[in-house]
Amino acid sequence: MAKPKLDAVTAGAVDLARAAAVETGGEDAVGEHQGVVAEGDRVVTHTFQCLLTGYADWHWAVTLVRASRAAQRQPKDMEPA
């Protein structure tokens, strides 16, 4: 199976992904952006450092999806992992 291509719109939506993580975990819980991975066509997961005490080596993961031919992107799922 071919590796999915990174969608530029969703990959560039770091601020949207951060806002979704902050909404869930709080401003003090979300650290630096660690990267983005293509999960499928127009689907990416952004990861952020988790700053919660007791959660060393954990990260926040926010998955964004963009509908075909849409310029907008939407949060799909987020959770500390």
PDB file of N, CA and C in Angstrom:
ATOM      1  N   MET A   1       0.833  -1.165   0.000  1.00  0.00           N
ATOM      2  CA  MET A   1       0.000   0.000   0.000  1.00  0.00           C
ATOM      3  C   MET A   1       0.890   1.244   0.000  1.00  0.00           C
ATOM      4  N   ALA A   2       0.544   2.214  -0.818  1.00  0.00           N
ATOM      5  CA  ALA A   2       1.326   3.445  -0.937  1.00  0.00           C
ATOM      6  C   ALA A   2       1.146   4.321   0.297  1.00  0.00           C
ATOM      7  N   LYS A   3       2.226   4.977   0.667  1.00  0.00           N
ATOM      8  CA  LYS A   3       2.185   5.899   1.799  1.00  0.00           C
ATOM      9  C   LYS A   3       1.371   7.132   1.388  1.00  0.00           C
ATOM     10  N   PRO A   4       0.423   7.590   2.257  1.00  0.00           N
ATOM     11  CA  PRO A   4      -0.381   8.759   1.885  1.00  0.00           C
ATOM     12  C   PRO A   4       0.476  10.018   1.742  1.00  0.00           C
ATOM     13  N   LYS A   5       0.066  10.911   0.837  1.00  0.00           N
ATOM     14  CA  LYS A   5       0.766  12.172   0.645  1.00  0.00           C
ATOM     15  C   LYS A   5       0.294  13.168   1.698  1.00  0.00           C
ATOM     16  N   LEU A   6       1.207  14.005   2.146  1.00  0.00           N
ATOM     17  CA  LEU A   6       0.891  15.028   3.131  1.00  0.00           C
ATOM     18  C   LEU A   6       0.081  16.142   2.462  1.00  0.00           C
ATOM     19  N   ASP A   7      -1.112  16.400   2.960  1.00  0.00           N
ATOM     20  CA  ASP A   7      -1.974  17.447   2.438  1.00  0.00           C
ATOM     21  C   ASP A   7      -1.494  18.791   2.977  1.00  0.00           C
ATOM     22  N   ALA A   8      -1.165  19.725   2.091  1.00  0.00           N
ATOM     23  CA  ALA A   8      -0.583  21.004   2.496  1.00  0.00           C
ATOM     24  C   ALA A   8      -1.529  21.842   3.354  1.00  0.00           C
ATOM     25  N   VAL A   9      -2.819  21.797   3.080  1.00  0.00           N
ATOM     26  CA  VAL A   9      -3.782  22.613   3.833  1.00  0.00           C
ATOM     27  C   VAL A   9      -3.881  22.131   5.275  1.00  0.00           C
ATOM     28  N   THR A  10      -4.105  20.852   5.471  1.00  0.00           N
ATOM     29  CA  THR A  10      -4.243  20.341   6.833  1.00  0.00           C
ATOM     30  C   THR A  10      -2.892  20.309   7.556  1.00  0.00           C
ATOM     31  N   ALA A  11      -1.830  20.051   6.831  1.00  0.00           N
ATOM     32  CA  ALA A  11      -0.503  20.043   7.453  1.00  0.00           C
ATOM     33  C   ALA A  11      -0.111  21.437   7.922  1.00  0.00           C
ATOM     34  N   GLY A  12      -0.562  22.456   7.215  1.00  0.00           N
ATOM     35  CA  GLY A  12      -0.235  23.824   7.581  1.00  0.00           C
ATOM     36  C   GLY A  12      -1.126  24.412   8.664  1.00  0.00           C
ATOM     37  N   ALA A  13      -2.100  23.667   9.103  1.00  0.00           N
ATOM     38  CA  ALA A  13      -3.074  24.167  10.081  1.00  0.00           C
ATOM     39  C   ALA A  13      -2.616  23.919  11.520  1.00  0.00           C
ATOM     40  N   VAL A  14      -1.378  24.254  11.814  1.00  0.00           N
ATOM     41  CA  VAL A  14      -0.815  24.029  13.151  1.00  0.00           C
ATOM     42  C   VAL A  14      -1.596  24.816  14.206  1.00  0.00           C
ATOM     43  N   ASP A  15      -1.946  26.068  13.913  1.00  0.00           N
ATOM     44  CA  ASP A  15      -2.680  26.888  14.880  1.00  0.00           C
ATOM     45  C   ASP A  15      -4.047  26.304  15.209  1.00  0.00           C
ATOM     46  N   LEU A  16      -4.747  25.790  14.201  1.00  0.00           N
ATOM     47  CA  LEU A  16      -6.041  25.154  14.436  1.00  0.00           C
ATOM     48  C   LEU A  16      -5.881  23.914  15.303  1.00  0.00           C
ATOM     49  N   ALA A  17      -4.881  23.104  14.992  1.00  0.00           N
ATOM     50  CA  ALA A  17      -4.639  21.885  15.777  1.00  0.00           C
ATOM     51  C   ALA A  17      -4.276  22.235  17.220  1.00  0.00           C
ATOM     52  N   ARG A  18      -3.433  23.252  17.400  1.00  0.00           N
ATOM     53  CA  ARG A  18      -3.056  23.679  18.753  1.00  0.00           C
ATOM     54  C   ARG A  18      -4.283  24.161  19.527  1.00  0.00           C
ATOM     55  N   ALA A  19      -5.125  24.952  18.873  1.00  0.00           N
ATOM     56  CA  ALA A  19      -6.332  25.457  19.533  1.00  0.00           C
ATOM     57  C   ALA A  19      -7.230  24.318  20.001  1.00  0.00           C
ATOM     58  N   ALA A  20      -7.345  23.280  19.191  1.00  0.00           N
ATOM     59  CA  ALA A  20      -8.156  22.122  19.576  1.00  0.00           C
ATOM     60  C   ALA A  20      -7.542  21.404  20.776  1.00  0.00           C
ATOM     61  N   ALA A  21      -6.226  21.266  20.801  1.00  0.00           N
ATOM     62  CA  ALA A  21      -5.556  20.621  21.933  1.00  0.00           C
ATOM     63  C   ALA A  21      -5.700  21.456  23.192  1.00  0.00           C
ATOM     64  N   VAL A  22      -5.549  22.775  23.068  1.00  0.00           N
ATOM     65  CA  VAL A  22      -5.685  23.671  24.221  1.00  0.00           C
ATOM     66  C   VAL A  22      -7.115  23.655  24.751  1.00  0.00           C
ATOM     67  N   GLU A  23      -8.088  23.587  23.851  1.00  0.00           N
ATOM     68  CA  GLU A  23      -9.486  23.513  24.274  1.00  0.00           C
ATOM     69  C   GLU A  23      -9.737  22.278  25.127  1.00  0.00           C
ATOM     70  N   THR A  24      -9.076  21.195  24.810  1.00  0.00           N
ATOM     71  CA  THR A  24      -9.257  19.952  25.557  1.00  0.00           C
ATOM     72  C   THR A  24      -8.410  19.909  26.830  1.00  0.00           C
ATOM     73  N   GLY A  25      -7.130  20.264  26.700  1.00  0.00           N
ATOM     74  CA  GLY A  25      -6.210  20.077  27.819  1.00  0.00           C
ATOM     75  C   GLY A  25      -5.889  21.313  28.623  1.00  0.00           C
ATOM     76  N   GLY A  26      -6.130  22.479  28.064  1.00  0.00           N
ATOM     77  CA  GLY A  26      -5.791  23.723  28.735  1.00  0.00           C
ATOM     78  C   GLY A  26      -4.473  24.279  28.221  1.00  0.00           C
ATOM     79  N   GLU A  27      -4.347  25.599  28.316  1.00  0.00           N
ATOM     80  CA  GLU A  27      -3.169  26.306  27.797  1.00  0.00           C
ATOM     81  C   GLU A  27      -1.862  25.789  28.391  1.00  0.00           C
ATOM     82  N   ASP A  28      -1.869  25.487  29.684  1.00  0.00           N
ATOM     83  CA  ASP A  28      -0.644  25.049  30.360  1.00  0.00           C
ATOM     84  C   ASP A  28      -0.267  23.596  30.073  1.00  0.00           C
ATOM     85  N   ALA A  29      -1.138  22.861  29.396  1.00  0.00           N
ATOM     86  CA  ALA A  29      -0.888  21.442  29.153  1.00  0.00           C
ATOM     87  C   ALA A  29      -0.279  21.150  27.790  1.00  0.00           C
ATOM     88  N   VAL A  30      -0.342  22.130  26.872  1.00  0.00           N
ATOM     89  CA  VAL A  30       0.072  21.901  25.486  1.00  0.00           C
ATOM     90  C   VAL A  30       1.376  22.635  25.207  1.00  0.00           C
ATOM     91  N   GLY A  31       2.388  21.884  24.796  1.00  0.00           N
ATOM     92  CA  GLY A  31       3.699  22.453  24.511  1.00  0.00           C
ATOM     93  C   GLY A  31       3.952  22.653  23.028  1.00  0.00           C
ATOM     94  N   GLU A  32       5.210  22.536  22.668  1.00  0.00           N
ATOM     95  CA  GLU A  32       5.666  22.774  21.296  1.00  0.00           C
ATOM     96  C   GLU A  32       5.096  21.760  20.306  1.00  0.00           C
ATOM     97  N   HIS A  33       4.911  22.233  19.078  1.00  0.00           N
ATOM     98  CA  HIS A  33       4.502  21.349  17.977  1.00  0.00           C
ATOM     99  C   HIS A  33       5.652  20.387  17.693  1.00  0.00           C
ATOM    100  N   GLN A  34       5.363  19.093  17.658  1.00  0.00           N
ATOM    101  CA  GLN A  34       6.407  18.092  17.445  1.00  0.00           C
ATOM    102  C   GLN A  34       6.447  17.557  16.027  1.00  0.00           C
ATOM    103  N   GLY A  35       5.370  17.734  15.289  1.00  0.00           N
ATOM    104  CA  GLY A  35       5.375  17.256  13.912  1.00  0.00           C
ATOM    105  C   GLY A  35       3.983  16.948  13.400  1.00  0.00           C
ATOM    106  N   VAL A  36       3.945  16.520  12.152  1.00  0.00           N
ATOM    107  CA  VAL A  36       2.692  16.185  11.487  1.00  0.00           C
ATOM    108  C   VAL A  36       2.928  14.946  10.624  1.00  0.00           C
ATOM    109  N   VAL A  37       1.928  14.059  10.596  1.00  0.00           N
ATOM    110  CA  VAL A  37       2.018  12.802   9.855  1.00  0.00           C
ATOM    111  C   VAL A  37       0.773  12.640   8.998  1.00  0.00           C
ATOM    112  N   ALA A  38       0.944  12.245   7.742  1.00  0.00           N
ATOM    113  CA  ALA A  38      -0.189  11.941   6.864  1.00  0.00           C
ATOM    114  C   ALA A  38      -0.786  10.605   7.276  1.00  0.00           C
ATOM    115  N   GLU A  39      -2.093  10.601   7.510  1.00  0.00           N
ATOM    116  CA  GLU A  39      -2.809   9.373   7.902  1.00  0.00           C
ATOM    117  C   GLU A  39      -3.583   8.775   6.734  1.00  0.00           C
ATOM    118  N   GLY A  40      -3.926   9.611   5.768  1.00  0.00           N
ATOM    119  CA  GLY A  40      -4.716   9.193   4.612  1.00  0.00           C
ATOM    120  C   GLY A  40      -4.895  10.390   3.699  1.00  0.00           C
ATOM    121  N   ASP A  41      -5.753  10.260   2.691  1.00  0.00           N
ATOM    122  CA  ASP A  41      -6.016  11.373   1.785  1.00  0.00           C
ATOM    123  C   ASP A  41      -6.657  12.524   2.545  1.00  0.00           C
ATOM    124  N   ARG A  42      -5.977  13.672   2.605  1.00  0.00           N
ATOM    125  CA  ARG A  42      -6.463  14.879   3.276  1.00  0.00           C
ATOM    126  C   ARG A  42      -6.695  14.676   4.766  1.00  0.00           C
ATOM    127  N   VAL A  43      -5.996  13.730   5.380  1.00  0.00           N
ATOM    128  CA  VAL A  43      -6.097  13.474   6.822  1.00  0.00           C
ATOM    129  C   VAL A  43      -4.687  13.480   7.407  1.00  0.00           C
ATOM    130  N   VAL A  44      -4.454  14.343   8.411  1.00  0.00           N
ATOM    131  CA  VAL A  44      -3.148  14.419   9.065  1.00  0.00           C
ATOM    132  C   VAL A  44      -3.328  14.432  10.575  1.00  0.00           C
ATOM    133  N   THR A  45      -2.283  14.025  11.290  1.00  0.00           N
ATOM    134  CA  THR A  45      -2.265  14.120  12.740  1.00  0.00           C
ATOM    135  C   THR A  45      -1.090  14.983  13.155  1.00  0.00           C
ATOM    136  N   HIS A  46      -1.408  16.051  13.897  1.00  0.00           N
ATOM    137  CA  HIS A  46      -0.402  16.935  14.477  1.00  0.00           C
ATOM    138  C   HIS A  46      -0.133  16.462  15.899  1.00  0.00           C
ATOM    139  N   THR A  47       1.116  16.507  16.331  1.00  0.00           N
ATOM    140  CA  THR A  47       1.439  16.164  17.712  1.00  0.00           C
ATOM    141  C   THR A  47       2.096  17.359  18.398  1.00  0.00           C
ATOM    142  N   PHE A  48       1.793  17.488  19.691  1.00  0.00           N
ATOM    143  CA  PHE A  48       2.317  18.553  20.527  1.00  0.00           C
ATOM    144  C   PHE A  48       2.819  17.942  21.828  1.00  0.00           C
ATOM    145  N   GLN A  49       3.854  18.531  22.371  1.00  0.00           N
ATOM    146  CA  GLN A  49       4.393  18.083  23.646  1.00  0.00           C
ATOM    147  C   GLN A  49       3.307  18.211  24.716  1.00  0.00           C
ATOM    148  N   CYS A  50       3.223  17.217  25.599  1.00  0.00           N
ATOM    149  CA  CYS A  50       2.301  17.248  26.729  1.00  0.00           C
ATOM    150  C   CYS A  50       3.073  17.763  27.945  1.00  0.00           C
ATOM    151  N   LEU A  51       2.577  18.856  28.549  1.00  0.00           N
ATOM    152  CA  LEU A  51       3.258  19.477  29.679  1.00  0.00           C
ATOM    153  C   LEU A  51       2.636  19.112  31.028  1.00  0.00           C
ATOM    154  N   LEU A  52       1.694  18.181  31.046  1.00  0.00           N
ATOM    155  CA  LEU A  52       1.051  17.784  32.290  1.00  0.00           C
ATOM    156  C   LEU A  52       2.021  17.032  33.191  1.00  0.00           C
ATOM    157  N   THR A  53       2.023  17.379  34.469  1.00  0.00           N
ATOM    158  CA  THR A  53       2.867  16.693  35.452  1.00  0.00           C
ATOM    159  C   THR A  53       2.504  15.210  35.469  1.00  0.00           C
ATOM    160  N   GLY A  54       3.514  14.377  35.466  1.00  0.00           N
ATOM    161  CA  GLY A  54       3.290  12.936  35.495  1.00  0.00           C
ATOM    162  C   GLY A  54       3.108  12.305  34.124  1.00  0.00           C
ATOM    163  N   TYR A  55       3.171  13.098  33.074  1.00  0.00           N
ATOM    164  CA  TYR A  55       2.970  12.588  31.719  1.00  0.00           C
ATOM    165  C   TYR A  55       4.197  12.818  30.844  1.00  0.00           C
ATOM    166  N   ALA A  56       5.365  12.635  31.399  1.00  0.00           N
ATOM    167  CA  ALA A  56       6.602  12.756  30.615  1.00  0.00           C
ATOM    168  C   ALA A  56       6.550  11.750  29.468  1.00  0.00           C
ATOM    169  N   ASP A  57       7.045  12.140  28.323  1.00  0.00           N
ATOM    170  CA  ASP A  57       7.078  11.300  27.115  1.00  0.00           C
ATOM    171  C   ASP A  57       5.705  11.104  26.475  1.00  0.00           C
ATOM    172  N   TRP A  58       4.672  11.767  26.972  1.00  0.00           N
ATOM    173  CA  TRP A  58       3.355  11.736  26.336  1.00  0.00           C
ATOM    174  C   TRP A  58       3.272  12.917  25.391  1.00  0.00           C
ATOM    175  N   HIS A  59       2.279  12.892  24.507  1.00  0.00           N
ATOM    176  CA  HIS A  59       2.050  14.007  23.605  1.00  0.00           C
ATOM    177  C   HIS A  59       0.554  14.150  23.328  1.00  0.00           C
ATOM    178  N   TRP A  60       0.170  15.317  22.860  1.00  0.00           N
ATOM    179  CA  TRP A  60      -1.191  15.548  22.398  1.00  0.00           C
ATOM    180  C   TRP A  60      -1.231  15.245  20.905  1.00  0.00           C
ATOM    181  N   ALA A  61      -2.268  14.545  20.472  1.00  0.00           N
ATOM    182  CA  ALA A  61      -2.438  14.223  19.058  1.00  0.00           C
ATOM    183  C   ALA A  61      -3.776  14.790  18.588  1.00  0.00           C
ATOM    184  N   VAL A  62      -3.738  15.589  17.533  1.00  0.00           N
ATOM    185  CA  VAL A  62      -4.948  16.182  16.957  1.00  0.00           C
ATOM    186  C   VAL A  62      -4.996  15.802  15.488  1.00  0.00           C
ATOM    187  N   THR A  63      -6.049  15.119  15.104  1.00  0.00           N
ATOM    188  CA  THR A  63      -6.215  14.696  13.722  1.00  0.00           C
ATOM    189  C   THR A  63      -7.139  15.677  13.004  1.00  0.00           C
ATOM    190  N   LEU A  64      -6.680  16.177  11.860  1.00  0.00           N
ATOM    191  CA  LEU A  64      -7.462  17.093  11.041  1.00  0.00           C
ATOM    192  C   LEU A  64      -7.814  16.423   9.721  1.00  0.00           C
ATOM    193  N   VAL A  65      -8.992  16.752   9.225  1.00  0.00           N
ATOM    194  CA  VAL A  65      -9.451  16.200   7.954  1.00  0.00           C
ATOM    195  C   VAL A  65     -10.006  17.341   7.107  1.00  0.00           C
ATOM    196  N   ARG A  66      -9.837  17.222   5.811  1.00  0.00           N
ATOM    197  CA  ARG A  66     -10.362  18.216   4.873  1.00  0.00           C
ATOM    198  C   ARG A  66     -11.162  17.486   3.816  1.00  0.00           C
ATOM    199  N   ALA A  67     -12.380  17.953   3.595  1.00  0.00           N
ATOM    200  CA  ALA A  67     -13.227  17.350   2.564  1.00  0.00           C
ATOM    201  C   ALA A  67     -12.623  17.593   1.185  1.00  0.00           C
ATOM    202  N   SER A  68     -12.891  16.708   0.271  1.00  0.00           N
ATOM    203  CA  SER A  68     -12.414  16.848  -1.091  1.00  0.00           C
ATOM    204  C   SER A  68     -12.848  18.191  -1.662  1.00  0.00           C
ATOM    205  N   ARG A  69     -11.906  18.900  -2.277  1.00  0.00           N
ATOM    206  CA  ARG A  69     -12.118  20.202  -2.905  1.00  0.00           C
ATOM    207  C   ARG A  69     -12.437  21.316  -1.914  1.00  0.00           C
ATOM    208  N   ALA A  70     -12.293  21.091  -0.644  1.00  0.00           N
ATOM    209  CA  ALA A  70     -12.560  22.139   0.350  1.00  0.00           C
ATOM    210  C   ALA A  70     -11.258  22.812   0.751  1.00  0.00           C
ATOM    211  N   ALA A  71     -11.309  24.102   0.928  1.00  0.00           N
ATOM    212  CA  ALA A  71     -10.134  24.838   1.384  1.00  0.00           C
ATOM    213  C   ALA A  71     -10.069  24.862   2.904  1.00  0.00           C
ATOM    214  N   GLN A  72     -11.196  24.583   3.575  1.00  0.00           N
ATOM    215  CA  GLN A  72     -11.260  24.584   5.039  1.00  0.00           C
ATOM    216  C   GLN A  72     -10.847  23.224   5.589  1.00  0.00           C
ATOM    217  N   ARG A  73     -10.364  23.213   6.825  1.00  0.00           N
ATOM    218  CA  ARG A  73     -10.023  21.959   7.481  1.00  0.00           C
ATOM    219  C   ARG A  73     -10.724  21.940   8.825  1.00  0.00           C
ATOM    220  N   GLN A  74     -11.027  20.753   9.323  1.00  0.00           N
ATOM    221  CA  GLN A  74     -11.782  20.597  10.554  1.00  0.00           C
ATOM    222  C   GLN A  74     -11.084  19.615  11.481  1.00  0.00           C
ATOM    223  N   PRO A  75     -11.113  19.872  12.818  1.00  0.00           N
ATOM    224  CA  PRO A  75     -10.588  18.875  13.744  1.00  0.00           C
ATOM    225  C   PRO A  75     -11.452  17.625  13.696  1.00  0.00           C
ATOM    226  N   LYS A  76     -10.846  16.482  13.704  1.00  0.00           N
ATOM    227  CA  LYS A  76     -11.569  15.221  13.679  1.00  0.00           C
ATOM    228  C   LYS A  76     -11.528  14.547  15.031  1.00  0.00           C
ATOM    229  N   ASP A  77     -10.347  14.540  15.640  1.00  0.00           N
ATOM    230  CA  ASP A  77     -10.175  13.792  16.877  1.00  0.00           C
ATOM    231  C   ASP A  77      -8.976  14.357  17.607  1.00  0.00           C
ATOM    232  N   MET A  78      -9.027  14.378  18.943  1.00  0.00           N
ATOM    233  CA  MET A  78      -7.862  14.810  19.696  1.00  0.00           C
ATOM    234  C   MET A  78      -7.834  14.086  21.029  1.00  0.00           C
ATOM    235  N   GLU A  79      -6.632  13.801  21.473  1.00  0.00           N
ATOM    236  CA  GLU A  79      -6.462  13.112  22.750  1.00  0.00           C
ATOM    237  C   GLU A  79      -5.000  13.120  23.155  1.00  0.00           C
ATOM    238  N   PRO A  80      -4.770  13.061  24.481  1.00  0.00           N
ATOM    239  CA  PRO A  80      -3.378  12.867  24.890  1.00  0.00           C
ATOM    240  C   PRO A  80      -3.007  11.417  24.642  1.00  0.00           C
ATOM    241  N   ALA A  81      -1.817  11.188  24.184  1.00  0.00           N
ATOM    242  CA  ALA A  81      -1.410   9.805  23.888  1.00  0.00           C
ATOM    243  C   ALA A  81      -0.040   9.530  24.476  1.00  0.00           C
TER     244      ALA A  81
END
